[in-house]
Amino acid sequence: MGISLAKGQKVDLTKGNPGLTSVVIGLGWDTNKYDGGSDFDLDSSAFLLTNTGKVGNEKDFVFFNNLQGGNGSVVHTGDNLTGAGDGDDEQIKIDLAKIPAEIDKVAFTITIHDAEARSQNFGQVSNSFVRVINEQSGEELIRYDLGEDFSIETAIVVAELYRHNGEWKFNAIGSGFQGGLAALATNFGLQVN
């Protein structure tokens, strides 16, 4: 059984799991049924951040249109358009040993595609979670259930992996944003047209 975290908690990832080199970040959610008429399409993304808290370039933004970053150390397994079914809705694979030295953090986010046009927000989403899985064994190491803290937000910084004294740690963030993916991208240093 993995460690269950609350918002704001941090935990060692590699120190407590010697030999751990590759993990899968699983993100999941359910959408509440309502009569808005549009399907929900939630998207997970990863931002590879330098010590400035910003991405070095566009290649360090991993999402459904750019499935790899960090010289192949971060790989998005693909876009789930419906979120149907149990378990992880989207996954991002991380090879911790291959993350470039200039990358201090990997921030994981969930956004609602076309949220404004579809009048959707995270108040209509439930059971959101992120978990860290040992890719070799399939064991769940860490889980963070986001709870129902969101209402009008259309993007969430869910969690981050960060380097500290040569080890990787996990931080449960759970911070909401308005403005969807564009707001997040701008926050992390990308120019949005």
C-alpha atoms as a PDB file:
ATOM      1  CA  MET A   1       0.000   0.000   0.000  1.00  0.00           C
ATOM      2  CA  GLY A   2       1.375   3.368  -0.994  1.00  0.00           C
ATOM      3  CA  ILE A   3       1.541   6.572   1.002  1.00  0.00           C
ATOM      4  CA  SER A   4      -1.635   8.666   0.876  1.00  0.00           C
ATOM      5  CA  LEU A   5      -0.963  12.419   0.913  1.00  0.00           C
ATOM      6  CA  ALA A   6      -3.003  15.498   1.742  1.00  0.00           C
ATOM      7  CA  LYS A   7      -2.674  18.851  -0.025  1.00  0.00           C
ATOM      8  CA  GLY A   8       0.694  20.452   0.726  1.00  0.00           C
ATOM      9  CA  GLN A   9       2.393  17.284   1.951  1.00  0.00           C
ATOM     10  CA  LYS A  10       5.813  16.312   0.634  1.00  0.00           C
ATOM     11  CA  VAL A  11       7.415  12.891   0.687  1.00  0.00           C
ATOM     12  CA  ASP A  12      10.716  11.354  -0.380  1.00  0.00           C
ATOM     13  CA  LEU A  13      10.360   9.236  -3.486  1.00  0.00           C
ATOM     14  CA  THR A  14      13.810   7.851  -4.310  1.00  0.00           C
ATOM     15  CA  LYS A  15      15.301   7.884  -0.785  1.00  0.00           C
ATOM     16  CA  GLY A  16      12.589   5.587   0.555  1.00  0.00           C
ATOM     17  CA  ASN A  17      12.661   3.392  -2.558  1.00  0.00           C
ATOM     18  CA  PRO A  18      16.328   2.575  -3.253  1.00  0.00           C
ATOM     19  CA  GLY A  19      17.028   1.647  -6.868  1.00  0.00           C
ATOM     20  CA  LEU A  20      13.862   3.330  -8.147  1.00  0.00           C
ATOM     21  CA  THR A  21      14.641   4.795 -11.561  1.00  0.00           C
ATOM     22  CA  SER A  22      11.370   4.904 -13.480  1.00  0.00           C
ATOM     23  CA  VAL A  23       7.854   5.777 -12.389  1.00  0.00           C
ATOM     24  CA  VAL A  24       4.463   6.213 -13.971  1.00  0.00           C
ATOM     25  CA  ILE A  25       2.373   9.210 -12.942  1.00  0.00           C
ATOM     26  CA  GLY A  26      -1.261   8.168 -13.212  1.00  0.00           C
ATOM     27  CA  LEU A  27      -3.952  10.852 -13.272  1.00  0.00           C
ATOM     28  CA  GLY A  28      -7.661  10.130 -13.048  1.00  0.00           C
ATOM     29  CA  TRP A  29     -11.036  11.801 -12.632  1.00  0.00           C
ATOM     30  CA  ASP A  30     -14.783  11.380 -12.994  1.00  0.00           C
ATOM     31  CA  THR A  31     -17.155  13.962 -14.409  1.00  0.00           C
ATOM     32  CA  ASN A  32     -20.528  14.707 -12.898  1.00  0.00           C
ATOM     33  CA  LYS A  33     -23.462  14.166 -15.199  1.00  0.00           C
ATOM     34  CA  TYR A  34     -25.233  17.402 -15.956  1.00  0.00           C
ATOM     35  CA  ASP A  35     -27.365  18.674 -18.791  1.00  0.00           C
ATOM     36  CA  GLY A  36     -24.769  20.887 -20.458  1.00  0.00           C
ATOM     37  CA  GLY A  37     -24.788  18.657 -23.509  1.00  0.00           C
ATOM     38  CA  SER A  38     -21.009  18.548 -24.026  1.00  0.00           C
ATOM     39  CA  ASP A  39     -18.597  15.771 -23.171  1.00  0.00           C
ATOM     40  CA  PHE A  40     -15.737  16.559 -20.835  1.00  0.00           C
ATOM     41  CA  ASP A  41     -12.214  16.187 -22.212  1.00  0.00           C
ATOM     42  CA  LEU A  42      -9.679  16.542 -19.434  1.00  0.00           C
ATOM     43  CA  ASP A  43      -5.983  16.638 -20.309  1.00  0.00           C
ATOM     44  CA  SER A  44      -2.900  15.949 -18.250  1.00  0.00           C
ATOM     45  CA  SER A  45       0.351  17.778 -18.935  1.00  0.00           C
ATOM     46  CA  ALA A  46       3.849  17.969 -17.499  1.00  0.00           C
ATOM     47  CA  PHE A  47       6.042  21.063 -17.335  1.00  0.00           C
ATOM     48  CA  LEU A  48       9.780  20.433 -16.943  1.00  0.00           C
ATOM     49  CA  LEU A  49      11.026  23.392 -14.929  1.00  0.00           C
ATOM     50  CA  THR A  50      14.485  24.838 -14.362  1.00  0.00           C
ATOM     51  CA  ASN A  51      15.562  26.483 -11.100  1.00  0.00           C
ATOM     52  CA  THR A  52      13.713  29.628 -12.253  1.00  0.00           C
ATOM     53  CA  GLY A  53      10.382  27.791 -11.986  1.00  0.00           C
ATOM     54  CA  LYS A  54       9.915  28.180 -15.755  1.00  0.00           C
ATOM     55  CA  VAL A  55      10.326  25.846 -18.731  1.00  0.00           C
ATOM     56  CA  GLY A  56      13.565  26.266 -20.672  1.00  0.00           C
ATOM     57  CA  ASN A  57      11.808  25.869 -24.037  1.00  0.00           C
ATOM     58  CA  GLU A  58       8.615  24.556 -25.644  1.00  0.00           C
ATOM     59  CA  LYS A  59      10.006  20.999 -25.765  1.00  0.00           C
ATOM     60  CA  ASP A  60       9.858  20.959 -21.951  1.00  0.00           C
ATOM     61  CA  PHE A  61       6.062  21.173 -22.077  1.00  0.00           C
ATOM     62  CA  VAL A  62       4.736  17.603 -22.435  1.00  0.00           C
ATOM     63  CA  PHE A  63       1.070  17.250 -23.414  1.00  0.00           C
ATOM     64  CA  PHE A  64      -1.220  15.638 -26.027  1.00  0.00           C
ATOM     65  CA  ASN A  65       0.489  17.495 -28.917  1.00  0.00           C
ATOM     66  CA  ASN A  66       4.061  16.959 -27.647  1.00  0.00           C
ATOM     67  CA  LEU A  67       4.259  13.515 -26.062  1.00  0.00           C
ATOM     68  CA  GLN A  68       7.952  13.616 -25.060  1.00  0.00           C
ATOM     69  CA  GLY A  69      10.283  16.007 -23.273  1.00  0.00           C
ATOM     70  CA  GLY A  70      13.519  16.148 -21.342  1.00  0.00           C
ATOM     71  CA  ASN A  71      15.432  14.166 -23.979  1.00  0.00           C
ATOM     72  CA  GLY A  72      12.844  11.381 -23.784  1.00  0.00           C
ATOM     73  CA  SER A  73      12.882  11.178 -19.962  1.00  0.00           C
ATOM     74  CA  VAL A  74       9.211  12.256 -19.738  1.00  0.00           C
ATOM     75  CA  VAL A  75       6.689  10.478 -21.994  1.00  0.00           C
ATOM     76  CA  HIS A  76       2.929  11.134 -22.126  1.00  0.00           C
ATOM     77  CA  THR A  77       1.137   7.910 -23.121  1.00  0.00           C
ATOM     78  CA  GLY A  78      -1.642   9.697 -25.025  1.00  0.00           C
ATOM     79  CA  ASP A  79      -4.861  11.667 -24.775  1.00  0.00           C
ATOM     80  CA  ASN A  80      -7.983  10.082 -23.258  1.00  0.00           C
ATOM     81  CA  LEU A  81     -10.892  12.021 -24.750  1.00  0.00           C
ATOM     82  CA  THR A  82     -13.667  10.805 -22.428  1.00  0.00           C
ATOM     83  CA  GLY A  83     -12.271   9.816 -19.013  1.00  0.00           C
ATOM     84  CA  ALA A  84     -14.560   6.775 -19.084  1.00  0.00           C
ATOM     85  CA  GLY A  85     -13.767   3.729 -16.957  1.00  0.00           C
ATOM     86  CA  ASP A  86     -11.917   3.113 -13.717  1.00  0.00           C
ATOM     87  CA  GLY A  87      -8.262   3.632 -12.904  1.00  0.00           C
ATOM     88  CA  ASP A  88      -5.875   6.071 -14.525  1.00  0.00           C
ATOM     89  CA  ASP A  89      -7.360   8.201 -17.296  1.00  0.00           C
ATOM     90  CA  GLU A  90      -3.958   9.392 -18.520  1.00  0.00           C
ATOM     91  CA  GLN A  91      -0.396   8.431 -17.667  1.00  0.00           C
ATOM     92  CA  ILE A  92       3.007  10.080 -17.909  1.00  0.00           C
ATOM     93  CA  LYS A  93       6.111   7.901 -17.693  1.00  0.00           C
ATOM     94  CA  ILE A  94       9.204   9.355 -16.039  1.00  0.00           C
ATOM     95  CA  ASP A  95      12.759   7.992 -16.255  1.00  0.00           C
ATOM     96  CA  LEU A  96      14.213   9.727 -13.196  1.00  0.00           C
ATOM     97  CA  ALA A  97      17.801   8.837 -14.088  1.00  0.00           C
ATOM     98  CA  LYS A  98      17.517  10.493 -17.515  1.00  0.00           C
ATOM     99  CA  ILE A  99      15.933  13.807 -16.537  1.00  0.00           C
ATOM    100  CA  PRO A 100      18.422  16.477 -17.671  1.00  0.00           C
ATOM    101  CA  ALA A 101      20.488  18.052 -14.889  1.00  0.00           C
ATOM    102  CA  GLU A 102      19.054  21.536 -15.546  1.00  0.00           C
ATOM    103  CA  ILE A 103      15.520  20.319 -14.744  1.00  0.00           C
ATOM    104  CA  ASP A 104      14.745  20.836 -11.032  1.00  0.00           C
ATOM    105  CA  LYS A 105      11.014  20.069 -11.057  1.00  0.00           C
ATOM    106  CA  VAL A 106       8.370  18.330 -13.115  1.00  0.00           C
ATOM    107  CA  ALA A 107       4.926  19.860 -12.490  1.00  0.00           C
ATOM    108  CA  PHE A 108       1.836  17.781 -13.354  1.00  0.00           C
ATOM    109  CA  THR A 109      -1.386  19.498 -14.330  1.00  0.00           C
ATOM    110  CA  ILE A 110      -4.939  18.670 -15.392  1.00  0.00           C
ATOM    111  CA  THR A 111      -6.928  21.044 -17.589  1.00  0.00           C
ATOM    112  CA  ILE A 112     -10.404  20.973 -19.137  1.00  0.00           C
ATOM    113  CA  HIS A 113     -10.268  21.235 -22.932  1.00  0.00           C
ATOM    114  CA  ASP A 114     -12.515  24.015 -24.298  1.00  0.00           C
ATOM    115  CA  ALA A 115     -13.831  24.631 -20.772  1.00  0.00           C
ATOM    116  CA  GLU A 116     -15.005  28.179 -21.447  1.00  0.00           C
ATOM    117  CA  ALA A 117     -16.849  27.318 -24.679  1.00  0.00           C
ATOM    118  CA  ARG A 118     -18.503  24.323 -23.008  1.00  0.00           C
ATOM    119  CA  SER A 119     -19.250  26.142 -19.705  1.00  0.00           C
ATOM    120  CA  GLN A 120     -17.292  23.527 -17.759  1.00  0.00           C
ATOM    121  CA  ASN A 121     -15.110  23.768 -14.655  1.00  0.00           C
ATOM    122  CA  PHE A 122     -13.596  21.589 -11.948  1.00  0.00           C
ATOM    123  CA  GLY A 123     -16.690  22.051  -9.788  1.00  0.00           C
ATOM    124  CA  GLN A 124     -18.231  19.483 -12.155  1.00  0.00           C
ATOM    125  CA  VAL A 125     -15.343  17.022 -11.738  1.00  0.00           C
ATOM    126  CA  SER A 126     -15.013  14.562  -8.868  1.00  0.00           C
ATOM    127  CA  ASN A 127     -12.701  11.794  -7.664  1.00  0.00           C
ATOM    128  CA  SER A 128      -9.599  13.465  -9.128  1.00  0.00           C
ATOM    129  CA  PHE A 129      -6.335  11.841  -8.128  1.00  0.00           C
ATOM    130  CA  VAL A 130      -2.686  11.501  -8.982  1.00  0.00           C
ATOM    131  CA  ARG A 131      -0.589   8.486  -8.111  1.00  0.00           C
ATOM    132  CA  VAL A 132       3.023   7.453  -8.499  1.00  0.00           C
ATOM    133  CA  ILE A 133       3.627   3.869  -9.588  1.00  0.00           C
ATOM    134  CA  ASN A 134       6.916   1.971  -9.654  1.00  0.00           C
ATOM    135  CA  GLU A 135       7.102   1.152 -13.375  1.00  0.00           C
ATOM    136  CA  GLN A 136       9.072  -2.080 -12.818  1.00  0.00           C
ATOM    137  CA  SER A 137       6.852  -3.624 -10.128  1.00  0.00           C
ATOM    138  CA  GLY A 138       3.533  -1.894 -10.808  1.00  0.00           C
ATOM    139  CA  GLU A 139       3.324  -1.003  -7.100  1.00  0.00           C
ATOM    140  CA  GLU A 140       1.525   2.209  -6.163  1.00  0.00           C
ATOM    141  CA  LEU A 141       3.997   4.241  -4.089  1.00  0.00           C
ATOM    142  CA  ILE A 142       2.136   7.525  -3.529  1.00  0.00           C
ATOM    143  CA  ARG A 143      -1.453   8.656  -3.984  1.00  0.00           C
ATOM    144  CA  TYR A 144      -2.999  12.097  -3.645  1.00  0.00           C
ATOM    145  CA  ASP A 145      -6.788  12.445  -3.864  1.00  0.00           C
ATOM    146  CA  LEU A 146      -7.601  16.059  -4.705  1.00  0.00           C
ATOM    147  CA  GLY A 147     -10.985  16.232  -2.993  1.00  0.00           C
ATOM    148  CA  GLU A 148     -13.754  18.613  -3.985  1.00  0.00           C
ATOM    149  CA  ASP A 149     -12.010  21.931  -3.314  1.00  0.00           C
ATOM    150  CA  PHE A 150     -12.584  23.424  -6.756  1.00  0.00           C
ATOM    151  CA  SER A 151     -15.475  25.346  -8.267  1.00  0.00           C
ATOM    152  CA  ILE A 152     -14.778  27.769 -11.129  1.00  0.00           C
ATOM    153  CA  GLU A 153     -11.220  26.637 -11.929  1.00  0.00           C
ATOM    154  CA  THR A 154     -10.452  25.178 -15.364  1.00  0.00           C
ATOM    155  CA  ALA A 155      -6.885  24.050 -14.623  1.00  0.00           C
ATOM    156  CA  ILE A 156      -5.127  22.480 -11.643  1.00  0.00           C
ATOM    157  CA  VAL A 157      -1.465  22.089 -10.777  1.00  0.00           C
ATOM    158  CA  VAL A 158      -1.889  18.658  -9.217  1.00  0.00           C
ATOM    159  CA  ALA A 159       1.594  17.776  -7.964  1.00  0.00           C
ATOM    160  CA  GLU A 160       5.280  17.993  -8.692  1.00  0.00           C
ATOM    161  CA  LEU A 161       8.382  15.863  -8.569  1.00  0.00           C
ATOM    162  CA  TYR A 162      11.391  17.863  -7.496  1.00  0.00           C
ATOM    163  CA  ARG A 163      15.082  17.282  -6.961  1.00  0.00           C
ATOM    164  CA  HIS A 164      16.484  17.849  -3.460  1.00  0.00           C
ATOM    165  CA  ASN A 165      20.037  16.919  -2.425  1.00  0.00           C
ATOM    166  CA  GLY A 166      20.326  14.447  -5.297  1.00  0.00           C
ATOM    167  CA  GLU A 167      17.053  12.677  -4.441  1.00  0.00           C
ATOM    168  CA  TRP A 168      13.575  13.027  -5.953  1.00  0.00           C
ATOM    169  CA  LYS A 169      10.642  14.092  -3.783  1.00  0.00           C
ATOM    170  CA  PHE A 170       6.915  14.371  -4.464  1.00  0.00           C
ATOM    171  CA  ASN A 171       4.801  17.383  -3.491  1.00  0.00           C
ATOM    172  CA  ALA A 172       0.972  17.281  -3.432  1.00  0.00           C
ATOM    173  CA  ILE A 173       0.020  20.772  -4.675  1.00  0.00           C
ATOM    174  CA  GLY A 174      -3.683  20.917  -5.627  1.00  0.00           C
ATOM    175  CA  SER A 175      -3.639  24.551  -6.769  1.00  0.00           C
ATOM    176  CA  GLY A 176      -6.447  25.742  -9.059  1.00  0.00           C
ATOM    177  CA  PHE A 177      -6.215  28.224 -11.941  1.00  0.00           C
ATOM    178  CA  GLN A 178      -8.744  29.998 -14.095  1.00  0.00           C
ATOM    179  CA  GLY A 179      -7.941  30.379 -17.799  1.00  0.00           C
ATOM    180  CA  GLY A 180      -7.206  26.726 -18.573  1.00  0.00           C
ATOM    181  CA  LEU A 181      -4.069  25.485 -20.248  1.00  0.00           C
ATOM    182  CA  ALA A 182      -3.133  28.925 -21.590  1.00  0.00           C
ATOM    183  CA  ALA A 183      -2.984  30.345 -18.057  1.00  0.00           C
ATOM    184  CA  LEU A 184      -0.807  27.456 -16.884  1.00  0.00           C
ATOM    185  CA  ALA A 185       1.523  27.716 -19.881  1.00  0.00           C
ATOM    186  CA  THR A 186       1.975  31.444 -19.267  1.00  0.00           C
ATOM    187  CA  ASN A 187       2.587  30.824 -15.563  1.00  0.00           C
ATOM    188  CA  PHE A 188       5.372  28.386 -16.451  1.00  0.00           C
ATOM    189  CA  GLY A 189       7.066  30.778 -18.877  1.00  0.00           C
ATOM    190  CA  LEU A 190       5.661  29.889 -22.299  1.00  0.00           C
ATOM    191  CA  GLN A 191       4.389  32.430 -24.831  1.00  0.00           C
ATOM    192  CA  VAL A 192       0.753  31.695 -25.719  1.00  0.00           C
ATOM    193  CA  ASN A 193      -0.703  33.019 -28.956  1.00  0.00           C
END
